[in-house]
């Protein structure tokens, strides 16, 4: 393993442990010394990679939203390449399901990270929040562009924006209530949200006879242990 690979693996371990600490204790309840002890790292090494708790929090959020954006782009591109007829509504349905599935899969694989994303954004300074907001906006636009393929609203109507926020409303709180043994796996949950997004409550639990089911997209990883790109020497 190269020096860069080792550094990325070390930083990924630190970020994963920090996400667990923050989810359990809150941002202000985590100390760098406790984190160093939990990860078996020297405190000076920890500060070399991430010079402050705020830098750690920013790195976790940037990694999470970058992973979500990249994975959504990847799985939706797969559906575009596989479409029999460009612009066909079934291709749009496939992209919608692919987006929902990859998001639910990420949430169920990274519940501590999701709790941090939802509850700790205010701990960042304005400049850091702006970096995170840029990625959040990119992610919102990815889903909004898919939703727009289904809407026939007149120009200037806000229905696409509202519908996109509604879907994110279903997606973003999964981390808070999902129980694996009770509510099913990522595919089961994603199909339920997908059917509700398309057809409302009447279709949330059952598939109509002859209804076409989108295929599950291939994901490269759970993203939980992905290296942190651009952080060889700590966050900029």
C-alpha atoms as a PDB file:
ATOM      1  CA  UNK A   1       0.000   0.000   0.000  1.00  0.00           C
ATOM      2  CA  UNK A   2       1.387   3.393  -0.999  1.00  0.00           C
ATOM      3  CA  UNK A   3       1.846   6.301   1.388  1.00  0.00           C
ATOM      4  CA  UNK A   4      -1.133   8.116  -0.162  1.00  0.00           C
ATOM      5  CA  UNK A   5      -3.316   5.005   0.155  1.00  0.00           C
ATOM      6  CA  UNK A   6      -2.330   4.628   3.808  1.00  0.00           C
ATOM      7  CA  UNK A   7      -3.102   8.297   4.468  1.00  0.00           C
ATOM      8  CA  UNK A   8      -6.512   7.999   2.811  1.00  0.00           C
ATOM      9  CA  UNK A   9      -7.321   4.848   4.775  1.00  0.00           C
ATOM     10  CA  UNK A  10      -6.275   6.538   8.034  1.00  0.00           C
ATOM     11  CA  UNK A  11      -8.361   9.610   7.287  1.00  0.00           C
ATOM     12  CA  UNK A  12     -11.359   7.488   6.350  1.00  0.00           C
ATOM     13  CA  UNK A  13     -11.098   5.597   9.650  1.00  0.00           C
ATOM     14  CA  UNK A  14     -10.933   8.887  11.551  1.00  0.00           C
ATOM     15  CA  UNK A  15     -13.952  10.332   9.753  1.00  0.00           C
ATOM     16  CA  UNK A  16     -16.040   7.202  10.293  1.00  0.00           C
ATOM     17  CA  UNK A  17     -15.193   7.161  14.004  1.00  0.00           C
ATOM     18  CA  UNK A  18     -15.885  10.890  14.298  1.00  0.00           C
ATOM     19  CA  UNK A  19     -19.323  10.437  12.694  1.00  0.00           C
ATOM     20  CA  UNK A  20     -20.171   7.756  15.263  1.00  0.00           C
ATOM     21  CA  UNK A  21     -18.969   9.984  18.123  1.00  0.00           C
ATOM     22  CA  UNK A  22     -20.983  12.983  16.933  1.00  0.00           C
ATOM     23  CA  UNK A  23     -24.110  10.879  16.339  1.00  0.00           C
ATOM     24  CA  UNK A  24     -23.853   9.524  19.881  1.00  0.00           C
ATOM     25  CA  UNK A  25     -22.641  12.557  21.838  1.00  0.00           C
ATOM     26  CA  UNK A  26     -23.303  15.562  19.633  1.00  0.00           C
ATOM     27  CA  UNK A  27     -20.633  17.744  18.042  1.00  0.00           C
ATOM     28  CA  UNK A  28     -19.801  19.629  21.227  1.00  0.00           C
ATOM     29  CA  UNK A  29     -19.640  16.384  23.203  1.00  0.00           C
ATOM     30  CA  UNK A  30     -16.815  14.974  21.081  1.00  0.00           C
ATOM     31  CA  UNK A  31     -13.201  15.760  21.937  1.00  0.00           C
ATOM     32  CA  UNK A  32     -10.219  15.252  19.656  1.00  0.00           C
ATOM     33  CA  UNK A  33      -8.450  13.416  22.481  1.00  0.00           C
ATOM     34  CA  UNK A  34     -11.310  10.915  22.852  1.00  0.00           C
ATOM     35  CA  UNK A  35     -11.359  10.440  19.094  1.00  0.00           C
ATOM     36  CA  UNK A  36      -7.610   9.797  18.999  1.00  0.00           C
ATOM     37  CA  UNK A  37      -7.999   7.174  21.730  1.00  0.00           C
ATOM     38  CA  UNK A  38     -10.928   5.483  19.974  1.00  0.00           C
ATOM     39  CA  UNK A  39      -9.063   5.235  16.663  1.00  0.00           C
ATOM     40  CA  UNK A  40      -5.692   4.331  18.170  1.00  0.00           C
ATOM     41  CA  UNK A  41      -4.097   7.392  16.581  1.00  0.00           C
ATOM     42  CA  UNK A  42      -1.573   9.742  18.095  1.00  0.00           C
ATOM     43  CA  UNK A  43      -3.206  13.072  18.906  1.00  0.00           C
ATOM     44  CA  UNK A  44      -0.585  14.920  16.845  1.00  0.00           C
ATOM     45  CA  UNK A  45      -1.357  12.694  13.839  1.00  0.00           C
ATOM     46  CA  UNK A  46      -5.036  13.475  14.249  1.00  0.00           C
ATOM     47  CA  UNK A  47      -4.403  17.212  14.263  1.00  0.00           C
ATOM     48  CA  UNK A  48      -2.074  16.883  11.277  1.00  0.00           C
ATOM     49  CA  UNK A  49      -4.877  15.336   9.217  1.00  0.00           C
ATOM     50  CA  UNK A  50      -7.703  17.460  10.628  1.00  0.00           C
ATOM     51  CA  UNK A  51      -6.557  20.564  12.505  1.00  0.00           C
ATOM     52  CA  UNK A  52      -9.868  21.090  14.336  1.00  0.00           C
ATOM     53  CA  UNK A  53     -13.227  19.520  15.140  1.00  0.00           C
ATOM     54  CA  UNK A  54     -14.782  21.918  12.634  1.00  0.00           C
ATOM     55  CA  UNK A  55     -12.432  20.623   9.922  1.00  0.00           C
ATOM     56  CA  UNK A  56     -13.519  17.073  10.749  1.00  0.00           C
ATOM     57  CA  UNK A  57     -17.193  18.004  10.552  1.00  0.00           C
ATOM     58  CA  UNK A  58     -16.701  19.747   7.216  1.00  0.00           C
ATOM     59  CA  UNK A  59     -14.786  16.784   5.775  1.00  0.00           C
ATOM     60  CA  UNK A  60     -17.537  14.349   6.818  1.00  0.00           C
ATOM     61  CA  UNK A  61     -20.252  16.480   5.234  1.00  0.00           C
ATOM     62  CA  UNK A  62     -18.335  17.118   2.030  1.00  0.00           C
ATOM     63  CA  UNK A  63     -17.527  13.430   1.630  1.00  0.00           C
ATOM     64  CA  UNK A  64     -21.134  12.414   2.237  1.00  0.00           C
ATOM     65  CA  UNK A  65     -22.685  14.796  -0.272  1.00  0.00           C
ATOM     66  CA  UNK A  66     -19.940  14.179  -2.831  1.00  0.00           C
ATOM     67  CA  UNK A  67     -20.597  10.432  -2.576  1.00  0.00           C
ATOM     68  CA  UNK A  68     -24.353  10.945  -2.940  1.00  0.00           C
ATOM     69  CA  UNK A  69     -23.929  13.210  -5.972  1.00  0.00           C
ATOM     70  CA  UNK A  70     -21.438  10.918  -7.698  1.00  0.00           C
ATOM     71  CA  UNK A  71     -23.422   7.748  -7.036  1.00  0.00           C
ATOM     72  CA  UNK A  72     -26.695   9.311  -8.205  1.00  0.00           C
ATOM     73  CA  UNK A  73     -24.984  10.469 -11.393  1.00  0.00           C
ATOM     74  CA  UNK A  74     -23.537   7.007 -11.956  1.00  0.00           C
ATOM     75  CA  UNK A  75     -26.736   4.993 -11.463  1.00  0.00           C
ATOM     76  CA  UNK A  76     -28.921   7.410 -13.440  1.00  0.00           C
ATOM     77  CA  UNK A  77     -26.422   7.351 -16.305  1.00  0.00           C
ATOM     78  CA  UNK A  78     -26.719   3.561 -16.315  1.00  0.00           C
ATOM     79  CA  UNK A  79     -30.467   3.899 -16.861  1.00  0.00           C
ATOM     80  CA  UNK A  80     -29.988   6.439 -19.678  1.00  0.00           C
ATOM     81  CA  UNK A  81     -27.589   4.102 -21.493  1.00  0.00           C
ATOM     82  CA  UNK A  82     -30.005   1.210 -21.043  1.00  0.00           C
ATOM     83  CA  UNK A  83     -33.093   3.076 -22.309  1.00  0.00           C
ATOM     84  CA  UNK A  84     -34.644   1.576 -25.429  1.00  0.00           C
ATOM     85  CA  UNK A  85     -36.056   4.943 -26.562  1.00  0.00           C
ATOM     86  CA  UNK A  86     -34.440   8.206 -25.410  1.00  0.00           C
ATOM     87  CA  UNK A  87     -36.951  10.277 -23.457  1.00  0.00           C
ATOM     88  CA  UNK A  88     -39.293   7.331 -22.894  1.00  0.00           C
ATOM     89  CA  UNK A  89     -41.249   7.688 -19.649  1.00  0.00           C
ATOM     90  CA  UNK A  90     -40.131   4.242 -18.491  1.00  0.00           C
ATOM     91  CA  UNK A  91     -36.527   5.487 -18.623  1.00  0.00           C
ATOM     92  CA  UNK A  92     -37.488   8.407 -16.402  1.00  0.00           C
ATOM     93  CA  UNK A  93     -39.151   5.982 -14.001  1.00  0.00           C
ATOM     94  CA  UNK A  94     -35.978   3.912 -13.939  1.00  0.00           C
ATOM     95  CA  UNK A  95     -33.903   6.992 -13.137  1.00  0.00           C
ATOM     96  CA  UNK A  96     -36.303   8.015 -10.378  1.00  0.00           C
ATOM     97  CA  UNK A  97     -36.108   4.593  -8.778  1.00  0.00           C
ATOM     98  CA  UNK A  98     -32.318   4.484  -9.194  1.00  0.00           C
ATOM     99  CA  UNK A  99     -31.978   7.849  -7.441  1.00  0.00           C
ATOM    100  CA  UNK A 100     -34.294   6.818  -4.600  1.00  0.00           C
ATOM    101  CA  UNK A 101     -32.610   3.430  -4.189  1.00  0.00           C
ATOM    102  CA  UNK A 102     -29.051   4.764  -4.008  1.00  0.00           C
ATOM    103  CA  UNK A 103     -30.127   7.370  -1.442  1.00  0.00           C
ATOM    104  CA  UNK A 104     -31.929   4.831   0.763  1.00  0.00           C
ATOM    105  CA  UNK A 105     -28.997   2.433   0.444  1.00  0.00           C
ATOM    106  CA  UNK A 106     -26.618   5.169   1.593  1.00  0.00           C
ATOM    107  CA  UNK A 107     -28.848   6.138   4.519  1.00  0.00           C
ATOM    108  CA  UNK A 108     -29.164   2.574   5.796  1.00  0.00           C
ATOM    109  CA  UNK A 109     -25.401   2.026   5.426  1.00  0.00           C
ATOM    110  CA  UNK A 110     -24.420   5.329   7.049  1.00  0.00           C
ATOM    111  CA  UNK A 111     -26.978   6.159   9.726  1.00  0.00           C
ATOM    112  CA  UNK A 112     -24.474   7.956  11.963  1.00  0.00           C
ATOM    113  CA  UNK A 113     -23.387  10.146   9.059  1.00  0.00           C
ATOM    114  CA  UNK A 114     -27.002  10.945   8.157  1.00  0.00           C
ATOM    115  CA  UNK A 115     -27.775  11.945  11.750  1.00  0.00           C
ATOM    116  CA  UNK A 116     -24.790  14.289  11.634  1.00  0.00           C
ATOM    117  CA  UNK A 117     -25.860  15.785   8.286  1.00  0.00           C
ATOM    118  CA  UNK A 118     -29.335  16.530   9.595  1.00  0.00           C
ATOM    119  CA  UNK A 119     -28.491  17.802  13.083  1.00  0.00           C
ATOM    120  CA  UNK A 120     -25.023  19.373  13.001  1.00  0.00           C
ATOM    121  CA  UNK A 121     -24.894  21.642   9.942  1.00  0.00           C
ATOM    122  CA  UNK A 122     -25.200  24.765  12.113  1.00  0.00           C
ATOM    123  CA  UNK A 123     -21.876  23.976  13.809  1.00  0.00           C
ATOM    124  CA  UNK A 124     -20.019  24.981  10.635  1.00  0.00           C
ATOM    125  CA  UNK A 125     -18.865  28.522   9.924  1.00  0.00           C
ATOM    126  CA  UNK A 126     -20.518  30.415   7.026  1.00  0.00           C
ATOM    127  CA  UNK A 127     -17.729  29.665   4.524  1.00  0.00           C
ATOM    128  CA  UNK A 128     -17.853  25.936   5.292  1.00  0.00           C
ATOM    129  CA  UNK A 129     -21.643  25.909   5.106  1.00  0.00           C
ATOM    130  CA  UNK A 130     -21.380  27.471   1.661  1.00  0.00           C
ATOM    131  CA  UNK A 131     -19.156  24.592   0.477  1.00  0.00           C
ATOM    132  CA  UNK A 132     -21.655  22.049   1.743  1.00  0.00           C
ATOM    133  CA  UNK A 133     -24.591  24.002   0.327  1.00  0.00           C
ATOM    134  CA  UNK A 134     -23.050  23.914  -3.154  1.00  0.00           C
ATOM    135  CA  UNK A 135     -23.016  20.109  -3.095  1.00  0.00           C
ATOM    136  CA  UNK A 136     -26.523  19.950  -1.599  1.00  0.00           C
ATOM    137  CA  UNK A 137     -27.755  22.188  -4.404  1.00  0.00           C
ATOM    138  CA  UNK A 138     -26.118  19.947  -7.005  1.00  0.00           C
ATOM    139  CA  UNK A 139     -27.817  16.918  -5.449  1.00  0.00           C
ATOM    140  CA  UNK A 140     -31.197  18.675  -5.337  1.00  0.00           C
ATOM    141  CA  UNK A 141     -30.903  19.608  -9.016  1.00  0.00           C
ATOM    142  CA  UNK A 142     -30.135  15.988  -9.937  1.00  0.00           C
ATOM    143  CA  UNK A 143     -33.467  14.842  -8.492  1.00  0.00           C
ATOM    144  CA  UNK A 144     -35.335  17.949  -9.665  1.00  0.00           C
ATOM    145  CA  UNK A 145     -34.332  17.252 -13.273  1.00  0.00           C
ATOM    146  CA  UNK A 146     -35.748  13.722 -12.988  1.00  0.00           C
ATOM    147  CA  UNK A 147     -38.984  14.953 -11.394  1.00  0.00           C
ATOM    148  CA  UNK A 148     -39.375  17.537 -14.179  1.00  0.00           C
ATOM    149  CA  UNK A 149     -39.735  14.692 -16.688  1.00  0.00           C
ATOM    150  CA  UNK A 150     -43.017  13.690 -15.025  1.00  0.00           C
ATOM    151  CA  UNK A 151     -44.564  17.122 -14.514  1.00  0.00           C
ATOM    152  CA  UNK A 152     -46.757  18.992 -17.013  1.00  0.00           C
ATOM    153  CA  UNK A 153     -46.969  22.222 -15.052  1.00  0.00           C
ATOM    154  CA  UNK A 154     -47.248  25.572 -16.848  1.00  0.00           C
ATOM    155  CA  UNK A 155     -44.105  27.738 -17.050  1.00  0.00           C
ATOM    156  CA  UNK A 156     -43.315  29.435 -13.767  1.00  0.00           C
ATOM    157  CA  UNK A 157     -45.252  26.932 -11.676  1.00  0.00           C
ATOM    158  CA  UNK A 158     -43.430  25.697  -8.574  1.00  0.00           C
ATOM    159  CA  UNK A 159     -44.778  22.129  -8.745  1.00  0.00           C
ATOM    160  CA  UNK A 160     -41.458  20.553  -9.775  1.00  0.00           C
ATOM    161  CA  UNK A 161     -39.620  22.250  -6.919  1.00  0.00           C
ATOM    162  CA  UNK A 162     -42.303  21.317  -4.401  1.00  0.00           C
ATOM    163  CA  UNK A 163     -42.494  17.718  -5.626  1.00  0.00           C
ATOM    164  CA  UNK A 164     -38.706  17.408  -5.358  1.00  0.00           C
ATOM    165  CA  UNK A 165     -38.739  18.691  -1.776  1.00  0.00           C
ATOM    166  CA  UNK A 166     -41.565  16.273  -0.964  1.00  0.00           C
ATOM    167  CA  UNK A 167     -39.527  13.297  -2.155  1.00  0.00           C
ATOM    168  CA  UNK A 168     -36.497  14.467  -0.183  1.00  0.00           C
ATOM    169  CA  UNK A 169     -38.799  14.788   2.813  1.00  0.00           C
ATOM    170  CA  UNK A 170     -39.503  11.057   2.576  1.00  0.00           C
ATOM    171  CA  UNK A 171     -35.868  10.175   1.947  1.00  0.00           C
ATOM    172  CA  UNK A 172     -34.071  12.251   4.550  1.00  0.00           C
ATOM    173  CA  UNK A 173     -35.849  11.012   7.662  1.00  0.00           C
ATOM    174  CA  UNK A 174     -35.442   7.297   6.978  1.00  0.00           C
ATOM    175  CA  UNK A 175     -32.407   7.223   9.278  1.00  0.00           C
ATOM    176  CA  UNK A 176     -34.548   8.247  12.245  1.00  0.00           C
ATOM    177  CA  UNK A 177     -37.203   5.530  12.145  1.00  0.00           C
ATOM    178  CA  UNK A 178     -35.977   2.586  10.060  1.00  0.00           C
ATOM    179  CA  UNK A 179     -35.586  -0.757  11.865  1.00  0.00           C
ATOM    180  CA  UNK A 180     -34.009  -3.458   9.640  1.00  0.00           C
ATOM    181  CA  UNK A 181     -36.020  -6.376  10.999  1.00  0.00           C
ATOM    182  CA  UNK A 182     -39.274  -4.464  10.866  1.00  0.00           C
ATOM    183  CA  UNK A 183     -39.213  -2.211   7.830  1.00  0.00           C
ATOM    184  CA  UNK A 184     -37.265  -4.246   5.269  1.00  0.00           C
ATOM    185  CA  UNK A 185     -34.057  -3.722   3.347  1.00  0.00           C
ATOM    186  CA  UNK A 186     -33.013  -0.859   1.085  1.00  0.00           C
ATOM    187  CA  UNK A 187     -34.760  -2.268  -1.978  1.00  0.00           C
ATOM    188  CA  UNK A 188     -38.058  -2.859  -0.153  1.00  0.00           C
ATOM    189  CA  UNK A 189     -38.054   0.644   1.306  1.00  0.00           C
ATOM    190  CA  UNK A 190     -36.958   2.279  -1.955  1.00  0.00           C
ATOM    191  CA  UNK A 191     -39.767   0.588  -3.882  1.00  0.00           C
ATOM    192  CA  UNK A 192     -42.322   1.806  -1.333  1.00  0.00           C
ATOM    193  CA  UNK A 193     -41.091   5.416  -1.595  1.00  0.00           C
ATOM    194  CA  UNK A 194     -40.908   5.144  -5.395  1.00  0.00           C
ATOM    195  CA  UNK A 195     -44.506   3.927  -5.682  1.00  0.00           C
ATOM    196  CA  UNK A 196     -45.749   6.660  -3.328  1.00  0.00           C
ATOM    197  CA  UNK A 197     -43.875   9.296  -5.333  1.00  0.00           C
ATOM    198  CA  UNK A 198     -45.479   8.091  -8.559  1.00  0.00           C
ATOM    199  CA  UNK A 199     -49.006   7.150  -7.480  1.00  0.00           C
ATOM    200  CA  UNK A 200     -49.714   8.258  -3.912  1.00  0.00           C
ATOM    201  CA  UNK A 201     -50.806   6.363  -0.828  1.00  0.00           C
ATOM    202  CA  UNK A 202     -53.039   3.945  -2.700  1.00  0.00           C
ATOM    203  CA  UNK A 203     -49.988   2.213  -4.132  1.00  0.00           C
ATOM    204  CA  UNK A 204     -47.541   2.463  -1.220  1.00  0.00           C
ATOM    205  CA  UNK A 205     -47.595  -1.193  -0.189  1.00  0.00           C
ATOM    206  CA  UNK A 206     -48.738  -3.272  -3.144  1.00  0.00           C
ATOM    207  CA  UNK A 207     -47.903  -3.535  -6.824  1.00  0.00           C
ATOM    208  CA  UNK A 208     -50.768  -3.384  -9.268  1.00  0.00           C
ATOM    209  CA  UNK A 209     -51.227  -6.392 -11.604  1.00  0.00           C
ATOM    210  CA  UNK A 210     -48.943  -6.001 -14.595  1.00  0.00           C
ATOM    211  CA  UNK A 211     -47.130  -3.017 -13.097  1.00  0.00           C
ATOM    212  CA  UNK A 212     -43.569  -2.722 -14.337  1.00  0.00           C
ATOM    213  CA  UNK A 213     -40.891  -2.827 -11.608  1.00  0.00           C
ATOM    214  CA  UNK A 214     -37.596  -1.006 -12.283  1.00  0.00           C
ATOM    215  CA  UNK A 215     -34.434  -3.044 -11.824  1.00  0.00           C
ATOM    216  CA  UNK A 216     -32.108  -2.413  -8.900  1.00  0.00           C
ATOM    217  CA  UNK A 217     -29.063  -0.383 -10.023  1.00  0.00           C
ATOM    218  CA  UNK A 218     -25.573  -1.650  -9.337  1.00  0.00           C
ATOM    219  CA  UNK A 219     -23.733   0.326  -6.666  1.00  0.00           C
ATOM    220  CA  UNK A 220     -19.945   0.271  -6.481  1.00  0.00           C
ATOM    221  CA  UNK A 221     -19.870   0.414  -2.679  1.00  0.00           C
ATOM    222  CA  UNK A 222     -21.818   1.476   0.388  1.00  0.00           C
ATOM    223  CA  UNK A 223     -19.646   4.640   0.368  1.00  0.00           C
ATOM    224  CA  UNK A 224     -19.039   4.219   4.093  1.00  0.00           C
ATOM    225  CA  UNK A 225     -15.360   3.372   3.740  1.00  0.00           C
ATOM    226  CA  UNK A 226     -14.566   5.302   0.575  1.00  0.00           C
ATOM    227  CA  UNK A 227     -11.302   7.273   0.758  1.00  0.00           C
ATOM    228  CA  UNK A 228     -11.605  11.002   1.199  1.00  0.00           C
ATOM    229  CA  UNK A 229     -10.499  12.528  -2.078  1.00  0.00           C
ATOM    230  CA  UNK A 230      -8.308  15.586  -1.788  1.00  0.00           C
ATOM    231  CA  UNK A 231      -7.490  15.163   1.897  1.00  0.00           C
ATOM    232  CA  UNK A 232      -4.003  13.665   1.809  1.00  0.00           C
ATOM    233  CA  UNK A 233      -2.688  16.491   3.954  1.00  0.00           C
ATOM    234  CA  UNK A 234      -5.875  17.366   5.773  1.00  0.00           C
ATOM    235  CA  UNK A 235      -8.812  19.491   4.679  1.00  0.00           C
ATOM    236  CA  UNK A 236      -8.145  22.717   2.863  1.00  0.00           C
END
